[in-house]
Amino acid sequence: MKLVTGNDLVSGDVIWWAGHGWSRHISDAADAGDEGEAIAAREEAARRVNGPYLIEADAGQNGPLVRNAKERIRAAGPSVRPDLGVQAEKQGVA
């Protein structure tokens, strides 16, 4: 599957195309398929995302599983401050 990812223009957070808009949670990411490049171009032109690009992923039980280390780190959130980002939400900190 192909996912579209980029960064939120206001917060800088990693965001994922969810099929109807953007989400901070990779579990919401939708398979963009052959439309990925068009989605990325349209959303960047509309200034809803910064630097969008496509990545390869596999379908998992709890959402997409990205294939490379960089994207796994991006999906998990900041690695030096676990009290920030999506990982803090999982711990009930944010």
PDB file of N, CA and C in Angstrom:
ATOM      1  N   MET A   1       0.833  -1.176   0.000  1.00  0.00           N
ATOM      2  CA  MET A   1       0.000   0.000   0.000  1.00  0.00           C
ATOM      3  C   MET A   1       0.876   1.237   0.000  1.00  0.00           C
ATOM      4  N   LYS A   2       0.317   2.344  -0.488  1.00  0.00           N
ATOM      5  CA  LYS A   2       1.044   3.612  -0.536  1.00  0.00           C
ATOM      6  C   LYS A   2       0.355   4.617   0.376  1.00  0.00           C
ATOM      7  N   LEU A   3       1.157   5.252   1.232  1.00  0.00           N
ATOM      8  CA  LEU A   3       0.652   6.267   2.145  1.00  0.00           C
ATOM      9  C   LEU A   3       1.221   7.618   1.756  1.00  0.00           C
ATOM     10  N   VAL A   4       0.448   8.667   2.020  1.00  0.00           N
ATOM     11  CA  VAL A   4       0.934  10.031   1.837  1.00  0.00           C
ATOM     12  C   VAL A   4       1.188  10.587   3.230  1.00  0.00           C
ATOM     13  N   THR A   5       2.375  11.117   3.429  1.00  0.00           N
ATOM     14  CA  THR A   5       2.738  11.705   4.710  1.00  0.00           C
ATOM     15  C   THR A   5       3.404  13.050   4.470  1.00  0.00           C
ATOM     16  N   GLY A   6       3.440  13.853   5.486  1.00  0.00           N
ATOM     17  CA  GLY A   6       4.070  15.169   5.426  1.00  0.00           C
ATOM     18  C   GLY A   6       4.053  15.754   6.824  1.00  0.00           C
ATOM     19  N   ASN A   7       4.129  17.074   6.901  1.00  0.00           N
ATOM     20  CA  ASN A   7       4.106  17.748   8.193  1.00  0.00           C
ATOM     21  C   ASN A   7       3.021  18.812   8.217  1.00  0.00           C
ATOM     22  N   ASP A   8       2.404  18.959   9.386  1.00  0.00           N
ATOM     23  CA  ASP A   8       1.394  19.983   9.594  1.00  0.00           C
ATOM     24  C   ASP A   8       2.058  21.356   9.521  1.00  0.00           C
ATOM     25  N   LEU A   9       1.422  22.279   8.826  1.00  0.00           N
ATOM     26  CA  LEU A   9       2.007  23.606   8.639  1.00  0.00           C
ATOM     27  C   LEU A   9       2.082  24.413   9.927  1.00  0.00           C
ATOM     28  N   VAL A  10       1.175  24.208  10.846  1.00  0.00           N
ATOM     29  CA  VAL A  10       1.144  24.995  12.074  1.00  0.00           C
ATOM     30  C   VAL A  10       2.005  24.377  13.166  1.00  0.00           C
ATOM     31  N   SER A  11       1.769  23.098  13.457  1.00  0.00           N
ATOM     32  CA  SER A  11       2.456  22.457  14.581  1.00  0.00           C
ATOM     33  C   SER A  11       3.768  21.785  14.202  1.00  0.00           C
ATOM     34  N   GLY A  12       3.922  21.453  12.914  1.00  0.00           N
ATOM     35  CA  GLY A  12       5.098  20.705  12.479  1.00  0.00           C
ATOM     36  C   GLY A  12       4.971  19.212  12.697  1.00  0.00           C
ATOM     37  N   ASP A  13       3.851  18.777  13.281  1.00  0.00           N
ATOM     38  CA  ASP A  13       3.642  17.352  13.546  1.00  0.00           C
ATOM     39  C   ASP A  13       3.632  16.542  12.257  1.00  0.00           C
ATOM     40  N   VAL A  14       4.054  15.299  12.361  1.00  0.00           N
ATOM     41  CA  VAL A  14       3.933  14.353  11.257  1.00  0.00           C
ATOM     42  C   VAL A  14       2.446  14.071  11.075  1.00  0.00           C
ATOM     43  N   ILE A  15       1.990  14.115   9.822  1.00  0.00           N
ATOM     44  CA  ILE A  15       0.589  13.821   9.537  1.00  0.00           C
ATOM     45  C   ILE A  15       0.488  12.820   8.396  1.00  0.00           C
ATOM     46  N   TRP A  16      -0.642  12.135   8.352  1.00  0.00           N
ATOM     47  CA  TRP A  16      -0.888  11.052   7.401  1.00  0.00           C
ATOM     48  C   TRP A  16      -2.211  11.298   6.703  1.00  0.00           C
ATOM     49  N   TRP A  17      -2.260  11.087   5.379  1.00  0.00           N
ATOM     50  CA  TRP A  17      -3.508  11.224   4.641  1.00  0.00           C
ATOM     51  C   TRP A  17      -4.448  10.107   5.078  1.00  0.00           C
ATOM     52  N   ALA A  18      -5.649  10.496   5.528  1.00  0.00           N
ATOM     53  CA  ALA A  18      -6.608   9.535   6.062  1.00  0.00           C
ATOM     54  C   ALA A  18      -7.769   9.254   5.111  1.00  0.00           C
ATOM     55  N   GLY A  19      -7.670   9.738   3.886  1.00  0.00           N
ATOM     56  CA  GLY A  19      -8.713   9.487   2.906  1.00  0.00           C
ATOM     57  C   GLY A  19      -9.729  10.603   2.816  1.00  0.00           C
ATOM     58  N   HIS A  20      -9.890  11.371   3.871  1.00  0.00           N
ATOM     59  CA  HIS A  20     -10.845  12.473   3.921  1.00  0.00           C
ATOM     60  C   HIS A  20     -10.212  13.734   4.501  1.00  0.00           C
ATOM     61  N   GLY A  21      -8.962  13.658   4.827  1.00  0.00           N
ATOM     62  CA  GLY A  21      -8.221  14.745   5.459  1.00  0.00           C
ATOM     63  C   GLY A  21      -6.968  14.170   6.090  1.00  0.00           C
ATOM     64  N   TRP A  22      -6.374  14.918   6.992  1.00  0.00           N
ATOM     65  CA  TRP A  22      -5.109  14.525   7.604  1.00  0.00           C
ATOM     66  C   TRP A  22      -5.293  14.100   9.050  1.00  0.00           C
ATOM     67  N   SER A  23      -4.439  13.188   9.498  1.00  0.00           N
ATOM     68  CA  SER A  23      -4.467  12.708  10.874  1.00  0.00           C
ATOM     69  C   SER A  23      -3.045  12.655  11.422  1.00  0.00           C
ATOM     70  N   ARG A  24      -2.908  12.863  12.713  1.00  0.00           N
ATOM     71  CA  ARG A  24      -1.609  12.726  13.378  1.00  0.00           C
ATOM     72  C   ARG A  24      -1.307  11.264  13.699  1.00  0.00           C
ATOM     73  N   HIS A  25      -2.248  10.381  13.448  1.00  0.00           N
ATOM     74  CA  HIS A  25      -2.109   8.976  13.836  1.00  0.00           C
ATOM     75  C   HIS A  25      -1.990   8.079  12.610  1.00  0.00           C
ATOM     76  N   ILE A  26      -0.900   7.339  12.535  1.00  0.00           N
ATOM     77  CA  ILE A  26      -0.692   6.460  11.384  1.00  0.00           C
ATOM     78  C   ILE A  26      -1.786   5.399  11.289  1.00  0.00           C
ATOM     79  N   SER A  27      -2.398   5.050  12.394  1.00  0.00           N
ATOM     80  CA  SER A  27      -3.475   4.055  12.351  1.00  0.00           C
ATOM     81  C   SER A  27      -4.662   4.537  11.518  1.00  0.00           C
ATOM     82  N   ASP A  28      -4.779   5.848  11.315  1.00  0.00           N
ATOM     83  CA  ASP A  28      -5.848   6.425  10.492  1.00  0.00           C
ATOM     84  C   ASP A  28      -5.473   6.518   9.017  1.00  0.00           C
ATOM     85  N   ALA A  29      -4.213   6.272   8.687  1.00  0.00           N
ATOM     86  CA  ALA A  29      -3.734   6.467   7.313  1.00  0.00           C
ATOM     87  C   ALA A  29      -4.461   5.555   6.333  1.00  0.00           C
ATOM     88  N   ALA A  30      -4.782   6.130   5.175  1.00  0.00           N
ATOM     89  CA  ALA A  30      -5.488   5.394   4.125  1.00  0.00           C
ATOM     90  C   ALA A  30      -4.541   5.087   2.977  1.00  0.00           C
ATOM     91  N   ASP A  31      -4.790   3.987   2.315  1.00  0.00           N
ATOM     92  CA  ASP A  31      -4.019   3.622   1.129  1.00  0.00           C
ATOM     93  C   ASP A  31      -4.368   4.601   0.014  1.00  0.00           C
ATOM     94  N   ALA A  32      -3.381   5.372  -0.426  1.00  0.00           N
ATOM     95  CA  ALA A  32      -3.609   6.361  -1.481  1.00  0.00           C
ATOM     96  C   ALA A  32      -3.545   5.739  -2.862  1.00  0.00           C
ATOM     97  N   GLY A  33      -2.979   4.552  -2.956  1.00  0.00           N
ATOM     98  CA  GLY A  33      -2.902   3.852  -4.236  1.00  0.00           C
ATOM     99  C   GLY A  33      -2.293   4.704  -5.333  1.00  0.00           C
ATOM    100  N   ASP A  34      -2.893   4.635  -6.516  1.00  0.00           N
ATOM    101  CA  ASP A  34      -2.382   5.379  -7.668  1.00  0.00           C
ATOM    102  C   ASP A  34      -2.662   6.871  -7.585  1.00  0.00           C
ATOM    103  N   GLU A  35      -3.472   7.295  -6.626  1.00  0.00           N
ATOM    104  CA  GLU A  35      -3.822   8.710  -6.485  1.00  0.00           C
ATOM    105  C   GLU A  35      -2.855   9.469  -5.576  1.00  0.00           C
ATOM    106  N   GLY A  36      -1.879   8.785  -5.011  1.00  0.00           N
ATOM    107  CA  GLY A  36      -0.986   9.391  -4.032  1.00  0.00           C
ATOM    108  C   GLY A  36      -0.307  10.666  -4.480  1.00  0.00           C
ATOM    109  N   GLU A  37       0.297  10.649  -5.654  1.00  0.00           N
ATOM    110  CA  GLU A  37       0.998  11.847  -6.149  1.00  0.00           C
ATOM    111  C   GLU A  37       0.024  13.004  -6.333  1.00  0.00           C
ATOM    112  N   ALA A  38      -1.159  12.721  -6.860  1.00  0.00           N
ATOM    113  CA  ALA A  38      -2.163  13.767  -7.072  1.00  0.00           C
ATOM    114  C   ALA A  38      -2.656  14.330  -5.741  1.00  0.00           C
ATOM    115  N   ILE A  39      -2.860  13.460  -4.761  1.00  0.00           N
ATOM    116  CA  ILE A  39      -3.285  13.913  -3.434  1.00  0.00           C
ATOM    117  C   ILE A  39      -2.220  14.816  -2.833  1.00  0.00           C
ATOM    118  N   ALA A  40      -0.966  14.381  -2.892  1.00  0.00           N
ATOM    119  CA  ALA A  40       0.135  15.167  -2.333  1.00  0.00           C
ATOM    120  C   ALA A  40       0.218  16.537  -2.993  1.00  0.00           C
ATOM    121  N   ALA A  41       0.140  16.581  -4.312  1.00  0.00           N
ATOM    122  CA  ALA A  41       0.229  17.853  -5.037  1.00  0.00           C
ATOM    123  C   ALA A  41      -0.944  18.762  -4.695  1.00  0.00           C
ATOM    124  N   ARG A  42      -2.148  18.205  -4.682  1.00  0.00           N
ATOM    125  CA  ARG A  42      -3.347  19.001  -4.385  1.00  0.00           C
ATOM    126  C   ARG A  42      -3.307  19.565  -2.966  1.00  0.00           C
ATOM    127  N   GLU A  43      -2.946  18.745  -2.003  1.00  0.00           N
ATOM    128  CA  GLU A  43      -2.938  19.171  -0.608  1.00  0.00           C
ATOM    129  C   GLU A  43      -1.829  20.184  -0.320  1.00  0.00           C
ATOM    130  N   GLU A  44      -0.679  20.018  -0.978  1.00  0.00           N
ATOM    131  CA  GLU A  44       0.399  20.991  -0.796  1.00  0.00           C
ATOM    132  C   GLU A  44       0.024  22.319  -1.439  1.00  0.00           C
ATOM    133  N   ALA A  45      -0.582  22.280  -2.625  1.00  0.00           N
ATOM    134  CA  ALA A  45      -1.009  23.512  -3.302  1.00  0.00           C
ATOM    135  C   ALA A  45      -2.056  24.255  -2.480  1.00  0.00           C
ATOM    136  N   ALA A  46      -2.889  23.523  -1.761  1.00  0.00           N
ATOM    137  CA  ALA A  46      -3.922  24.132  -0.920  1.00  0.00           C
ATOM    138  C   ALA A  46      -3.368  24.547   0.446  1.00  0.00           C
ATOM    139  N   ARG A  47      -2.081  24.323   0.662  1.00  0.00           N
ATOM    140  CA  ARG A  47      -1.393  24.676   1.907  1.00  0.00           C
ATOM    141  C   ARG A  47      -1.986  23.995   3.140  1.00  0.00           C
ATOM    142  N   ARG A  48      -2.335  22.717   2.954  1.00  0.00           N
ATOM    143  CA  ARG A  48      -2.830  21.926   4.078  1.00  0.00           C
ATOM    144  C   ARG A  48      -1.754  21.006   4.648  1.00  0.00           C
ATOM    145  N   VAL A  49      -0.608  20.918   3.948  1.00  0.00           N
ATOM    146  CA  VAL A  49       0.473  20.041   4.385  1.00  0.00           C
ATOM    147  C   VAL A  49       1.785  20.586   3.832  1.00  0.00           C
ATOM    148  N   ASN A  50       2.866  20.347   4.563  1.00  0.00           N
ATOM    149  CA  ASN A  50       4.191  20.762   4.118  1.00  0.00           C
ATOM    150  C   ASN A  50       4.996  19.530   3.708  1.00  0.00           C
ATOM    151  N   GLY A  51       5.568  19.582   2.517  1.00  0.00           N
ATOM    152  CA  GLY A  51       6.472  18.532   2.054  1.00  0.00           C
ATOM    153  C   GLY A  51       5.880  17.146   1.962  1.00  0.00           C
ATOM    154  N   PRO A  52       4.687  16.973   1.404  1.00  0.00           N
ATOM    155  CA  PRO A  52       4.108  15.631   1.334  1.00  0.00           C
ATOM    156  C   PRO A  52       4.870  14.713   0.388  1.00  0.00           C
ATOM    157  N   TYR A  53       4.896  13.430   0.723  1.00  0.00           N
ATOM    158  CA  TYR A  53       5.521  12.435  -0.145  1.00  0.00           C
ATOM    159  C   TYR A  53       4.893  11.076   0.124  1.00  0.00           C
ATOM    160  N   LEU A  54       5.130  10.157  -0.790  1.00  0.00           N
ATOM    161  CA  LEU A  54       4.573   8.808  -0.675  1.00  0.00           C
ATOM    162  C   LEU A  54       5.581   7.861  -0.055  1.00  0.00           C
ATOM    163  N   ILE A  55       5.065   6.922   0.728  1.00  0.00           N
ATOM    164  CA  ILE A  55       5.897   5.859   1.285  1.00  0.00           C
ATOM    165  C   ILE A  55       5.176   4.529   1.092  1.00  0.00           C
ATOM    166  N   GLU A  56       5.944   3.470   1.130  1.00  0.00           N
ATOM    167  CA  GLU A  56       5.396   2.117   1.031  1.00  0.00           C
ATOM    168  C   GLU A  56       5.105   1.598   2.439  1.00  0.00           C
ATOM    169  N   ALA A  57       4.002   0.882   2.564  1.00  0.00           N
ATOM    170  CA  ALA A  57       3.626   0.284   3.843  1.00  0.00           C
ATOM    171  C   ALA A  57       2.893  -1.021   3.575  1.00  0.00           C
ATOM    172  N   ASP A  58       2.764  -1.805   4.611  1.00  0.00           N
ATOM    173  CA  ASP A  58       1.994  -3.041   4.550  1.00  0.00           C
ATOM    174  C   ASP A  58       0.789  -2.898   5.468  1.00  0.00           C
ATOM    175  N   ALA A  59      -0.281  -3.576   5.143  1.00  0.00           N
ATOM    176  CA  ALA A  59      -1.473  -3.548   5.987  1.00  0.00           C
ATOM    177  C   ALA A  59      -1.216  -4.373   7.241  1.00  0.00           C
ATOM    178  N   GLY A  60      -1.554  -3.806   8.395  1.00  0.00           N
ATOM    179  CA  GLY A  60      -1.414  -4.508   9.662  1.00  0.00           C
ATOM    180  C   GLY A  60      -2.748  -4.565  10.383  1.00  0.00           C
ATOM    181  N   GLN A  61      -2.814  -5.299  11.460  1.00  0.00           N
ATOM    182  CA  GLN A  61      -4.062  -5.433  12.217  1.00  0.00           C
ATOM    183  C   GLN A  61      -4.536  -4.107  12.784  1.00  0.00           C
ATOM    184  N   ASN A  62      -3.604  -3.273  13.225  1.00  0.00           N
ATOM    185  CA  ASN A  62      -3.951  -1.999  13.855  1.00  0.00           C
ATOM    186  C   ASN A  62      -3.617  -0.806  12.980  1.00  0.00           C
ATOM    187  N   GLY A  63      -3.566  -1.016  11.689  1.00  0.00           N
ATOM    188  CA  GLY A  63      -3.235   0.060  10.764  1.00  0.00           C
ATOM    189  C   GLY A  63      -1.992  -0.272   9.977  1.00  0.00           C
ATOM    190  N   PRO A  64      -1.574   0.642   9.119  1.00  0.00           N
ATOM    191  CA  PRO A  64      -0.420   0.401   8.254  1.00  0.00           C
ATOM    192  C   PRO A  64       0.878   0.190   9.033  1.00  0.00           C
ATOM    193  N   LEU A  65       1.741  -0.654   8.470  1.00  0.00           N
ATOM    194  CA  LEU A  65       3.079  -0.885   9.010  1.00  0.00           C
ATOM    195  C   LEU A  65       4.074  -0.374   7.980  1.00  0.00           C
ATOM    196  N   VAL A  66       4.781   0.698   8.330  1.00  0.00           N
ATOM    197  CA  VAL A  66       5.733   1.270   7.382  1.00  0.00           C
ATOM    198  C   VAL A  66       6.946   0.370   7.251  1.00  0.00           C
ATOM    199  N   ARG A  67       7.603   0.461   6.116  1.00  0.00           N
ATOM    200  CA  ARG A  67       8.664  -0.496   5.792  1.00  0.00           C
ATOM    201  C   ARG A  67      10.071  -0.066   6.193  1.00  0.00           C
ATOM    202  N   ASN A  68      10.309   1.218   6.425  1.00  0.00           N
ATOM    203  CA  ASN A  68      11.690   1.599   6.738  1.00  0.00           C
ATOM    204  C   ASN A  68      11.795   2.296   8.089  1.00  0.00           C
ATOM    205  N   ALA A  69      13.004   2.326   8.612  1.00  0.00           N
ATOM    206  CA  ALA A  69      13.248   2.840   9.959  1.00  0.00           C
ATOM    207  C   ALA A  69      12.873   4.308  10.103  1.00  0.00           C
ATOM    208  N   LYS A  70      13.200   5.129   9.124  1.00  0.00           N
ATOM    209  CA  LYS A  70      12.883   6.562   9.212  1.00  0.00           C
ATOM    210  C   LYS A  70      11.392   6.769   9.432  1.00  0.00           C
ATOM    211  N   GLU A  71      10.577   6.080   8.666  1.00  0.00           N
ATOM    212  CA  GLU A  71       9.135   6.272   8.774  1.00  0.00           C
ATOM    213  C   GLU A  71       8.569   5.662  10.053  1.00  0.00           C
ATOM    214  N   ARG A  72       9.174   4.607  10.566  1.00  0.00           N
ATOM    215  CA  ARG A  72       8.743   4.064  11.862  1.00  0.00           C
ATOM    216  C   ARG A  72       9.000   5.083  12.967  1.00  0.00           C
ATOM    217  N   ILE A  73      10.141   5.756  12.905  1.00  0.00           N
ATOM    218  CA  ILE A  73      10.464   6.786  13.895  1.00  0.00           C
ATOM    219  C   ILE A  73       9.498   7.957  13.766  1.00  0.00           C
ATOM    220  N   ARG A  74       9.240   8.399  12.536  1.00  0.00           N
ATOM    221  CA  ARG A  74       8.299   9.508  12.323  1.00  0.00           C
ATOM    222  C   ARG A  74       6.909   9.154  12.849  1.00  0.00           C
ATOM    223  N   ALA A  75       6.478   7.919  12.619  1.00  0.00           N
ATOM    224  CA  ALA A  75       5.147   7.494  13.055  1.00  0.00           C
ATOM    225  C   ALA A  75       5.040   7.435  14.579  1.00  0.00           C
ATOM    226  N   ALA A  76       6.131   7.085  15.250  1.00  0.00           N
ATOM    227  CA  ALA A  76       6.120   6.951  16.707  1.00  0.00           C
ATOM    228  C   ALA A  76       6.139   8.293  17.417  1.00  0.00           C
ATOM    229  N   GLY A  77       6.668   9.327  16.787  1.00  0.00           N
ATOM    230  CA  GLY A  77       6.740  10.639  17.410  1.00  0.00           C
ATOM    231  C   GLY A  77       8.156  10.965  17.844  1.00  0.00           C
ATOM    232  N   PRO A  78       8.340  12.154  18.436  1.00  0.00           N
ATOM    233  CA  PRO A  78       9.684  12.588  18.833  1.00  0.00           C
ATOM    234  C   PRO A  78      10.378  11.542  19.703  1.00  0.00           C
ATOM    235  N   SER A  79      11.631  11.255  19.381  1.00  0.00           N
ATOM    236  CA  SER A  79      12.343  10.196  20.094  1.00  0.00           C
ATOM    237  C   SER A  79      13.095  10.697  21.322  1.00  0.00           C
ATOM    238  N   VAL A  80      13.262  11.994  21.468  1.00  0.00           N
ATOM    239  CA  VAL A  80      14.009  12.508  22.612  1.00  0.00           C
ATOM    240  C   VAL A  80      13.106  13.051  23.711  1.00  0.00           C
ATOM    241  N   ARG A  81      11.843  13.269  23.406  1.00  0.00           N
ATOM    242  CA  ARG A  81      10.893  13.798  24.393  1.00  0.00           C
ATOM    243  C   ARG A  81       9.605  12.986  24.342  1.00  0.00           C
ATOM    244  N   PRO A  82       9.555  11.858  25.034  1.00  0.00           N
ATOM    245  CA  PRO A  82       8.351  11.027  24.983  1.00  0.00           C
ATOM    246  C   PRO A  82       7.127  11.689  25.616  1.00  0.00           C
ATOM    247  N   ASP A  83       7.316  12.840  26.264  1.00  0.00           N
ATOM    248  CA  ASP A  83       6.181  13.558  26.841  1.00  0.00           C
ATOM    249  C   ASP A  83       5.523  14.492  25.829  1.00  0.00           C
ATOM    250  N   LEU A  84       5.991  14.450  24.567  1.00  0.00           N
ATOM    251  CA  LEU A  84       5.424  15.273  23.507  1.00  0.00           C
ATOM    252  C   LEU A  84       4.882  14.387  22.399  1.00  0.00           C
ATOM    253  N   GLY A  85       4.027  14.928  21.572  1.00  0.00           N
ATOM    254  CA  GLY A  85       3.574  14.237  20.370  1.00  0.00           C
ATOM    255  C   GLY A  85       2.600  13.109  20.631  1.00  0.00           C
ATOM    256  N   VAL A  86       2.447  12.275  19.598  1.00  0.00           N
ATOM    257  CA  VAL A  86       1.442  11.208  19.659  1.00  0.00           C
ATOM    258  C   VAL A  86       1.749  10.161  20.723  1.00  0.00           C
ATOM    259  N   GLN A  87       3.018   9.939  21.045  1.00  0.00           N
ATOM    260  CA  GLN A  87       3.327   8.946  22.071  1.00  0.00           C
ATOM    261  C   GLN A  87       2.889   9.431  23.446  1.00  0.00           C
ATOM    262  N   ALA A  88       2.873  10.752  23.679  1.00  0.00           N
ATOM    263  CA  ALA A  88       2.387  11.288  24.950  1.00  0.00           C
ATOM    264  C   ALA A  88       0.882  11.064  25.085  1.00  0.00           C
ATOM    265  N   GLU A  89       0.162  11.170  23.978  1.00  0.00           N
ATOM    266  CA  GLU A  89      -1.281  10.904  24.005  1.00  0.00           C
ATOM    267  C   GLU A  89      -1.548   9.466  24.431  1.00  0.00           C
ATOM    268  N   LYS A  90      -0.730   8.548  23.955  1.00  0.00           N
ATOM    269  CA  LYS A  90      -0.908   7.136  24.303  1.00  0.00           C
ATOM    270  C   LYS A  90      -0.679   6.901  25.794  1.00  0.00           C
ATOM    271  N   GLN A  91       0.209   7.717  26.401  1.00  0.00           N
ATOM    272  CA  GLN A  91       0.524   7.571  27.815  1.00  0.00           C
ATOM    273  C   GLN A  91      -0.376   8.428  28.695  1.00  0.00           C
ATOM    274  N   GLY A  92      -1.256   9.224  28.073  1.00  0.00           N
ATOM    275  CA  GLY A  92      -2.146  10.093  28.830  1.00  0.00           C
ATOM    276  C   GLY A  92      -1.472  11.334  29.369  1.00  0.00           C
ATOM    277  N   VAL A  93      -0.318  11.723  28.786  1.00  0.00           N
ATOM    278  CA  VAL A  93       0.422  12.891  29.247  1.00  0.00           C
ATOM    279  C   VAL A  93      -0.102  14.160  28.601  1.00  0.00           C
ATOM    280  N   ALA A  94      -0.369  14.107  27.293  1.00  0.00           N
ATOM    281  CA  ALA A  94      -0.766  15.313  26.554  1.00  0.00           C
ATOM    282  C   ALA A  94      -2.253  15.555  26.648  1.00  0.00           C
TER     283      ALA A  94
END
